[in-house]
Protein backbone atom coordinates (compact mmCIF):
# COMPACT_ATOMS: atom_id res chain seq x y z
CA MET A 1 56.02 51.48 -10.37
CA ALA A 2 59.54 51.40 -8.97
CA VAL A 3 58.46 52.66 -5.55
CA ALA A 4 54.93 51.32 -5.17
CA LYS A 5 55.62 47.95 -6.88
CA TYR A 6 52.24 47.82 -8.58
CA LEU A 7 51.08 48.66 -12.09
CA GLN A 8 49.54 52.07 -12.62
CA PRO A 9 45.90 52.16 -13.78
CA VAL A 10 46.58 55.04 -16.16
CA LYS A 11 45.59 55.08 -19.81
CA GLY A 12 48.68 54.75 -21.98
CA TRP A 13 50.93 53.62 -19.14
CA TYR A 14 51.93 50.46 -21.01
CA GLU A 15 53.75 52.61 -23.57
CA THR A 16 55.86 54.56 -21.05
CA PRO A 17 59.59 53.91 -20.52
CA ALA A 18 58.86 52.61 -17.00
CA ALA A 19 56.38 50.08 -18.37
CA LYS A 20 58.80 48.92 -21.03
CA GLN A 21 61.34 48.15 -18.30
CA THR A 22 58.85 46.08 -16.29
CA PRO A 23 59.74 42.37 -16.48
CA PHE A 24 57.00 40.10 -17.83
CA LEU A 25 54.61 42.99 -18.52
CA ASN A 26 53.51 41.25 -21.71
CA VAL A 27 52.31 38.28 -19.63
CA PHE A 28 50.33 40.58 -17.34
CA ILE A 29 48.74 42.39 -20.30
CA HIS A 30 47.77 39.07 -21.88
CA ASP A 31 46.25 37.84 -18.61
CA LEU A 32 44.16 41.00 -18.40
CA SER A 33 42.81 40.33 -21.89
CA VAL A 34 41.61 36.80 -21.10
CA GLY A 35 40.95 36.91 -17.36
CA LYS A 36 37.51 37.01 -15.84
CA LEU A 37 36.61 38.52 -12.50
CA MET A 38 35.11 36.24 -9.91
CA PRO A 39 32.34 37.47 -7.65
CA ALA A 40 33.72 39.07 -4.51
CA THR A 41 32.40 36.74 -1.84
CA LYS A 42 33.99 34.59 0.82
CA ASN A 43 31.38 31.98 -0.11
CA TRP A 44 32.59 31.47 -3.68
CA PRO A 45 32.49 27.63 -3.59
CA GLU A 46 28.87 27.64 -2.44
CA LEU A 47 27.89 30.25 -5.01
CA GLN A 48 29.65 28.39 -7.82
CA ALA A 49 28.00 25.09 -6.88
CA SER A 50 24.50 26.55 -6.69
CA LEU A 51 24.96 28.33 -10.03
CA ALA A 52 26.25 25.13 -11.67
CA ARG A 53 23.21 23.18 -10.43
CA MET A 54 20.91 25.96 -11.65
CA ILE A 55 22.44 25.85 -15.14
CA GLU A 56 22.16 22.06 -15.25
CA ARG A 57 18.51 22.20 -14.21
CA VAL A 58 17.71 24.66 -17.00
CA ILE A 59 19.88 23.25 -19.79
CA LEU A 60 19.71 19.52 -19.08
CA GLY A 61 16.46 19.31 -17.15
CA ASN A 62 14.48 21.89 -19.11
CA ALA A 63 13.52 23.67 -15.87
CA ASP A 64 11.96 27.10 -15.85
CA PRO A 65 14.85 29.60 -15.61
CA LYS A 66 13.16 31.80 -12.99
CA ALA A 67 12.26 28.82 -10.82
CA ALA A 68 15.81 27.47 -11.16
CA ARG A 69 17.22 30.87 -10.20
CA ASP A 70 15.01 31.04 -7.12
CA GLN A 71 16.02 27.52 -6.11
CA ALA A 72 19.71 28.41 -6.56
CA ALA A 73 19.26 31.48 -4.37
CA GLU A 74 17.64 29.36 -1.65
CA GLU A 75 20.44 26.77 -1.87
CA PHE A 76 23.09 29.46 -1.59
CA THR A 77 21.37 31.13 1.35
CA ARG A 78 20.99 27.78 3.13
CA ALA A 79 24.63 26.84 2.48
CA THR A 80 25.99 30.12 3.79
CA LYS A 81 23.92 30.08 6.98
CA SER A 82 25.30 26.75 8.16
């Protein structure tokens, strides 16, 4: 940690003396417990928008889930090609 300046992905590392000396480690550990990974894509806004519309079509518009999924995929593909 002291040399690399990043947290070690090793089981039990949080209990080591080095970890206990790391400022704000408790904040980092909490964030890991509640955080959610986002899809790894440079087109995140387009993906998020097409997924939101898909969910609305199914939940609010009673659309067929498979048809809504296919439509969302087409929207995303169209948006990322422009």
